[in-house]
């Protein structure tokens, strides 16, 4: 499994207020989308999320997003190493993803750009 990078997940109260700060910090423009009632802005290595507290409570349990070359390969490797795939792989606006709990209890999202 090839890991291409990681994204830090940041829950914010006011997305409109937070975006300009992170755009300047990361030196790029926000890519915005909505998923499940949560407003999202991807800026460099940051994934800002804002929305209903019930939704954010679930999202906060995921420590980081890990970009991989192939989610199916990641699923196979994770399973062989004793991780538990909680959800996915499923198609998303940005590619495929899965959520996995590592043997130590940490939860991560794995994504690829394949649709």
N, C-alpha and C. Protein backbone atom coordinates (compact mmCIF):
# COMPACT_ATOMS: atom_id res chain seq x y z
N UNK A 1 0.86 -1.18 0.00
CA UNK A 1 0.00 0.00 0.00
C UNK A 1 0.90 1.23 0.00
N UNK A 2 0.64 2.12 -0.93
CA UNK A 2 1.42 3.35 -1.02
C UNK A 2 0.64 4.51 -0.41
N UNK A 3 1.21 5.13 0.63
CA UNK A 3 0.59 6.30 1.25
C UNK A 3 1.14 7.54 0.55
N UNK A 4 0.23 8.38 0.04
CA UNK A 4 0.61 9.55 -0.74
C UNK A 4 0.67 10.83 0.09
N UNK A 5 -0.01 10.85 1.22
CA UNK A 5 -0.02 12.03 2.07
C UNK A 5 -1.13 11.93 3.11
N UNK A 6 -1.20 12.94 3.97
CA UNK A 6 -2.25 12.97 4.99
C UNK A 6 -2.92 14.33 5.02
N UNK A 7 -4.14 14.35 5.49
CA UNK A 7 -4.92 15.58 5.65
C UNK A 7 -5.36 15.68 7.09
N UNK A 8 -5.16 16.84 7.67
CA UNK A 8 -5.58 17.09 9.05
C UNK A 8 -7.04 17.53 9.04
N UNK A 9 -7.85 16.91 9.84
CA UNK A 9 -9.28 17.19 9.91
C UNK A 9 -9.52 18.20 11.04
N UNK A 10 -10.14 19.35 10.70
CA UNK A 10 -10.36 20.42 11.66
C UNK A 10 -11.84 20.79 11.67
N UNK A 11 -12.50 20.60 12.80
CA UNK A 11 -13.90 21.02 12.96
C UNK A 11 -13.91 22.47 13.44
N UNK A 12 -14.66 23.32 12.73
CA UNK A 12 -14.72 24.74 13.08
C UNK A 12 -16.17 25.16 13.26
N UNK A 13 -16.39 26.17 14.11
CA UNK A 13 -17.73 26.69 14.32
C UNK A 13 -18.21 27.53 13.15
N UNK A 14 -17.31 28.33 12.55
CA UNK A 14 -17.66 29.26 11.49
C UNK A 14 -16.72 29.05 10.31
N UNK A 15 -17.18 28.31 9.31
CA UNK A 15 -16.36 27.98 8.15
C UNK A 15 -15.95 29.23 7.39
N UNK A 16 -16.88 30.17 7.22
CA UNK A 16 -16.59 31.39 6.46
C UNK A 16 -15.47 32.19 7.12
N UNK A 17 -15.44 32.20 8.42
CA UNK A 17 -14.40 32.93 9.15
C UNK A 17 -13.07 32.18 9.12
N UNK A 18 -13.12 30.86 9.14
CA UNK A 18 -11.90 30.06 9.20
C UNK A 18 -11.18 29.95 7.86
N UNK A 19 -11.93 29.92 6.76
CA UNK A 19 -11.34 29.68 5.44
C UNK A 19 -10.24 30.68 5.08
N UNK A 20 -10.46 31.99 5.21
CA UNK A 20 -9.38 32.93 4.83
C UNK A 20 -8.07 32.69 5.58
N UNK A 21 -8.15 32.37 6.88
CA UNK A 21 -6.95 32.08 7.66
C UNK A 21 -6.20 30.89 7.06
N UNK A 22 -6.90 29.78 6.80
CA UNK A 22 -6.25 28.58 6.30
C UNK A 22 -5.79 28.75 4.85
N UNK A 23 -6.49 29.55 4.06
CA UNK A 23 -6.02 29.83 2.69
C UNK A 23 -4.68 30.55 2.74
N UNK A 24 -4.54 31.53 3.61
CA UNK A 24 -3.27 32.25 3.75
C UNK A 24 -2.19 31.33 4.32
N UNK A 25 -2.55 30.54 5.32
CA UNK A 25 -1.61 29.63 5.96
C UNK A 25 -1.07 28.60 4.97
N UNK A 26 -1.95 28.01 4.18
CA UNK A 26 -1.57 26.94 3.25
C UNK A 26 -1.17 27.47 1.88
N UNK A 27 -1.47 28.75 1.61
CA UNK A 27 -1.11 29.33 0.32
C UNK A 27 -1.91 28.80 -0.84
N UNK A 28 -3.20 28.57 -0.64
CA UNK A 28 -4.03 28.05 -1.71
C UNK A 28 -5.50 28.39 -1.52
N UNK A 29 -6.28 28.11 -2.52
CA UNK A 29 -7.72 28.34 -2.52
C UNK A 29 -8.46 27.13 -1.96
N UNK A 30 -9.55 27.38 -1.28
CA UNK A 30 -10.37 26.31 -0.72
C UNK A 30 -11.19 25.64 -1.80
N UNK A 31 -11.23 24.34 -1.78
CA UNK A 31 -12.16 23.55 -2.59
C UNK A 31 -13.30 23.20 -1.66
N UNK A 32 -14.51 23.67 -2.00
CA UNK A 32 -15.65 23.51 -1.09
C UNK A 32 -16.65 22.49 -1.61
N UNK A 33 -17.24 21.76 -0.67
CA UNK A 33 -18.33 20.85 -0.99
C UNK A 33 -19.12 20.57 0.27
N UNK A 34 -20.24 19.89 0.11
CA UNK A 34 -21.08 19.53 1.25
C UNK A 34 -21.27 18.03 1.25
N UNK A 35 -21.29 17.46 2.44
CA UNK A 35 -21.52 16.01 2.55
C UNK A 35 -22.28 15.73 3.83
N UNK A 36 -23.46 15.20 3.70
CA UNK A 36 -24.27 14.81 4.86
C UNK A 36 -24.61 15.97 5.76
N UNK A 37 -24.86 17.16 5.20
CA UNK A 37 -25.21 18.33 5.99
C UNK A 37 -24.02 19.07 6.57
N UNK A 38 -22.82 18.58 6.29
CA UNK A 38 -21.60 19.23 6.78
C UNK A 38 -20.96 19.99 5.62
N UNK A 39 -20.64 21.26 5.87
CA UNK A 39 -19.93 22.07 4.90
C UNK A 39 -18.44 21.78 5.06
N UNK A 40 -17.76 21.58 3.92
CA UNK A 40 -16.35 21.19 3.95
C UNK A 40 -15.54 22.12 3.05
N UNK A 41 -14.34 22.46 3.50
CA UNK A 41 -13.39 23.23 2.70
C UNK A 41 -12.04 22.53 2.79
N UNK A 42 -11.54 22.07 1.65
CA UNK A 42 -10.22 21.43 1.59
C UNK A 42 -9.22 22.49 1.14
N UNK A 43 -8.20 22.71 1.99
CA UNK A 43 -7.18 23.72 1.70
C UNK A 43 -5.82 23.12 2.05
N UNK A 44 -5.02 22.86 1.04
CA UNK A 44 -3.71 22.26 1.30
C UNK A 44 -3.88 20.97 2.08
N UNK A 45 -3.19 20.85 3.20
CA UNK A 45 -3.27 19.62 4.01
C UNK A 45 -4.37 19.69 5.06
N UNK A 46 -5.23 20.72 5.00
CA UNK A 46 -6.31 20.88 5.99
C UNK A 46 -7.67 20.58 5.38
N UNK A 47 -8.51 19.90 6.14
CA UNK A 47 -9.89 19.65 5.76
C UNK A 47 -10.76 20.26 6.85
N UNK A 48 -11.32 21.44 6.57
CA UNK A 48 -12.16 22.14 7.53
C UNK A 48 -13.59 21.65 7.39
N UNK A 49 -14.25 21.42 8.52
CA UNK A 49 -15.62 20.91 8.52
C UNK A 49 -16.46 21.71 9.50
N UNK A 50 -17.67 22.04 9.08
CA UNK A 50 -18.59 22.79 9.94
C UNK A 50 -20.00 22.30 9.67
N UNK A 51 -20.79 22.15 10.73
CA UNK A 51 -22.15 21.69 10.54
C UNK A 51 -22.79 21.33 11.86
N UNK A 52 -23.87 20.55 11.79
CA UNK A 52 -24.59 20.15 13.00
C UNK A 52 -23.68 19.39 13.97
N UNK A 53 -23.80 19.68 15.24
CA UNK A 53 -22.93 19.07 16.25
C UNK A 53 -22.99 17.54 16.23
N UNK A 54 -24.17 16.98 15.98
CA UNK A 54 -24.29 15.51 15.95
C UNK A 54 -23.42 14.92 14.84
N UNK A 55 -23.35 15.60 13.71
CA UNK A 55 -22.51 15.12 12.59
C UNK A 55 -21.04 15.30 12.93
N UNK A 56 -20.69 16.46 13.49
CA UNK A 56 -19.29 16.74 13.82
C UNK A 56 -18.76 15.80 14.90
N UNK A 57 -19.64 15.40 15.81
CA UNK A 57 -19.23 14.47 16.87
C UNK A 57 -18.71 13.17 16.27
N UNK A 58 -19.36 12.70 15.23
CA UNK A 58 -18.91 11.48 14.54
C UNK A 58 -17.60 11.75 13.81
N UNK A 59 -17.51 12.89 13.10
CA UNK A 59 -16.32 13.21 12.32
C UNK A 59 -15.09 13.40 13.20
N UNK A 60 -15.26 13.89 14.40
CA UNK A 60 -14.13 14.10 15.31
C UNK A 60 -13.46 12.79 15.73
N UNK A 61 -14.14 11.70 15.59
CA UNK A 61 -13.56 10.40 15.97
C UNK A 61 -12.51 9.91 14.98
N UNK A 62 -12.49 10.52 13.78
CA UNK A 62 -11.53 10.14 12.75
C UNK A 62 -10.30 11.04 12.89
N UNK A 63 -9.16 10.45 13.22
CA UNK A 63 -7.95 11.21 13.55
C UNK A 63 -7.38 11.99 12.36
N UNK A 64 -7.40 11.39 11.18
CA UNK A 64 -6.83 12.03 9.99
C UNK A 64 -7.34 11.31 8.75
N UNK A 65 -7.12 11.95 7.62
CA UNK A 65 -7.42 11.33 6.33
C UNK A 65 -6.10 11.01 5.66
N UNK A 66 -5.97 9.78 5.19
CA UNK A 66 -4.73 9.31 4.58
C UNK A 66 -5.00 9.02 3.11
N UNK A 67 -4.27 9.72 2.23
CA UNK A 67 -4.39 9.50 0.79
C UNK A 67 -3.54 8.30 0.39
N UNK A 68 -4.15 7.39 -0.34
CA UNK A 68 -3.45 6.20 -0.81
C UNK A 68 -3.65 6.06 -2.30
N UNK A 69 -2.82 5.26 -2.91
CA UNK A 69 -2.93 5.05 -4.36
C UNK A 69 -4.20 4.28 -4.71
N UNK A 70 -4.54 3.29 -3.87
CA UNK A 70 -5.69 2.42 -4.17
C UNK A 70 -6.36 1.98 -2.86
N UNK A 71 -7.61 2.39 -2.67
CA UNK A 71 -8.35 2.06 -1.45
C UNK A 71 -8.56 0.55 -1.31
N UNK A 72 -8.79 -0.15 -2.40
CA UNK A 72 -8.98 -1.60 -2.31
C UNK A 72 -7.71 -2.28 -1.79
N UNK A 73 -6.57 -1.84 -2.26
CA UNK A 73 -5.30 -2.38 -1.76
C UNK A 73 -5.14 -2.03 -0.28
N UNK A 74 -5.50 -0.81 0.09
CA UNK A 74 -5.42 -0.39 1.50
C UNK A 74 -6.30 -1.28 2.37
N UNK A 75 -7.52 -1.56 1.90
CA UNK A 75 -8.43 -2.43 2.65
C UNK A 75 -7.79 -3.80 2.89
N UNK A 76 -7.18 -4.35 1.86
CA UNK A 76 -6.56 -5.67 1.97
C UNK A 76 -5.40 -5.63 2.98
N UNK A 77 -4.53 -4.65 2.87
CA UNK A 77 -3.38 -4.55 3.78
C UNK A 77 -3.84 -4.31 5.22
N UNK A 78 -4.78 -3.38 5.39
CA UNK A 78 -5.28 -3.08 6.73
C UNK A 78 -5.88 -4.32 7.39
N UNK A 79 -6.68 -5.06 6.64
CA UNK A 79 -7.31 -6.27 7.15
C UNK A 79 -6.26 -7.31 7.54
N UNK A 80 -5.26 -7.49 6.67
CA UNK A 80 -4.19 -8.45 6.97
C UNK A 80 -3.42 -8.07 8.23
N UNK A 81 -3.32 -6.76 8.51
CA UNK A 81 -2.57 -6.29 9.68
C UNK A 81 -3.42 -6.22 10.95
N UNK A 82 -4.70 -6.62 10.85
CA UNK A 82 -5.54 -6.67 12.03
C UNK A 82 -6.44 -5.47 12.25
N UNK A 83 -6.49 -4.56 11.27
CA UNK A 83 -7.40 -3.42 11.38
C UNK A 83 -8.82 -3.88 11.05
N UNK A 84 -9.80 -3.13 11.54
CA UNK A 84 -11.21 -3.42 11.28
C UNK A 84 -11.77 -2.33 10.37
N UNK A 85 -12.23 -2.71 9.19
CA UNK A 85 -12.84 -1.74 8.27
C UNK A 85 -14.26 -1.48 8.76
N UNK A 86 -14.51 -0.24 9.15
CA UNK A 86 -15.81 0.16 9.70
C UNK A 86 -16.81 0.48 8.61
N UNK A 87 -16.33 1.14 7.55
CA UNK A 87 -17.22 1.54 6.45
C UNK A 87 -16.42 1.60 5.16
N UNK A 88 -17.09 1.22 4.05
CA UNK A 88 -16.48 1.36 2.74
C UNK A 88 -15.80 0.08 2.31
N UNK A 89 -15.14 0.20 1.20
CA UNK A 89 -14.95 1.37 0.36
C UNK A 89 -16.24 1.81 -0.34
N UNK A 90 -16.38 3.13 -0.44
CA UNK A 90 -17.51 3.73 -1.14
C UNK A 90 -17.01 4.89 -1.99
N UNK A 91 -17.78 5.21 -3.04
CA UNK A 91 -17.45 6.35 -3.90
C UNK A 91 -17.86 7.64 -3.20
N UNK A 92 -17.03 8.67 -3.31
CA UNK A 92 -17.31 10.00 -2.77
C UNK A 92 -17.05 11.01 -3.88
N UNK A 93 -17.38 12.29 -3.68
CA UNK A 93 -17.10 13.29 -4.72
C UNK A 93 -15.62 13.38 -5.10
N UNK A 94 -14.73 13.05 -4.16
CA UNK A 94 -13.29 13.16 -4.45
C UNK A 94 -12.61 11.85 -4.77
N UNK A 95 -13.34 10.75 -4.83
CA UNK A 95 -12.75 9.43 -5.07
C UNK A 95 -13.39 8.41 -4.16
N UNK A 96 -12.71 7.32 -3.90
CA UNK A 96 -13.25 6.29 -3.01
C UNK A 96 -12.65 6.45 -1.62
N UNK A 97 -13.41 6.01 -0.61
CA UNK A 97 -12.86 6.06 0.74
C UNK A 97 -13.31 4.87 1.56
N UNK A 98 -12.62 4.69 2.67
CA UNK A 98 -13.04 3.72 3.69
C UNK A 98 -12.61 4.28 5.03
N UNK A 99 -13.28 3.81 6.07
CA UNK A 99 -12.94 4.17 7.44
C UNK A 99 -12.48 2.90 8.13
N UNK A 100 -11.31 2.97 8.78
CA UNK A 100 -10.76 1.78 9.44
C UNK A 100 -10.31 2.11 10.86
N UNK A 101 -10.51 1.14 11.75
CA UNK A 101 -10.00 1.24 13.10
C UNK A 101 -8.75 0.37 13.19
N UNK A 102 -7.64 0.99 13.54
CA UNK A 102 -6.39 0.26 13.70
C UNK A 102 -6.45 -0.58 14.98
N UNK A 103 -5.59 -1.57 15.11
CA UNK A 103 -5.61 -2.41 16.30
C UNK A 103 -5.45 -1.63 17.61
N UNK A 104 -4.83 -0.43 17.56
CA UNK A 104 -4.66 0.38 18.76
C UNK A 104 -5.88 1.23 19.09
N UNK A 105 -6.93 1.14 18.26
CA UNK A 105 -8.16 1.87 18.49
C UNK A 105 -8.27 3.18 17.73
N UNK A 106 -7.19 3.64 17.11
CA UNK A 106 -7.23 4.88 16.32
C UNK A 106 -8.05 4.65 15.05
N UNK A 107 -8.84 5.67 14.67
CA UNK A 107 -9.70 5.57 13.50
C UNK A 107 -9.20 6.55 12.44
N UNK A 108 -9.06 6.05 11.21
CA UNK A 108 -8.57 6.85 10.09
C UNK A 108 -9.47 6.66 8.87
N UNK A 109 -9.51 7.71 8.06
CA UNK A 109 -10.16 7.62 6.75
C UNK A 109 -9.05 7.42 5.71
N UNK A 110 -9.24 6.50 4.79
CA UNK A 110 -8.32 6.28 3.68
C UNK A 110 -9.06 6.66 2.40
N UNK A 111 -8.40 7.44 1.53
CA UNK A 111 -9.04 7.90 0.29
C UNK A 111 -8.10 7.71 -0.88
N UNK A 112 -8.71 7.52 -2.06
CA UNK A 112 -7.95 7.57 -3.31
C UNK A 112 -8.71 8.48 -4.28
N UNK A 113 -8.13 8.75 -5.40
CA UNK A 113 -8.75 9.65 -6.39
C UNK A 113 -9.46 8.87 -7.50
N UNK A 114 -9.57 7.57 -7.34
CA UNK A 114 -10.23 6.75 -8.35
C UNK A 114 -11.73 6.76 -8.14
N UNK A 115 -12.50 6.90 -9.19
CA UNK A 115 -13.97 6.84 -9.11
C UNK A 115 -14.51 5.64 -9.83
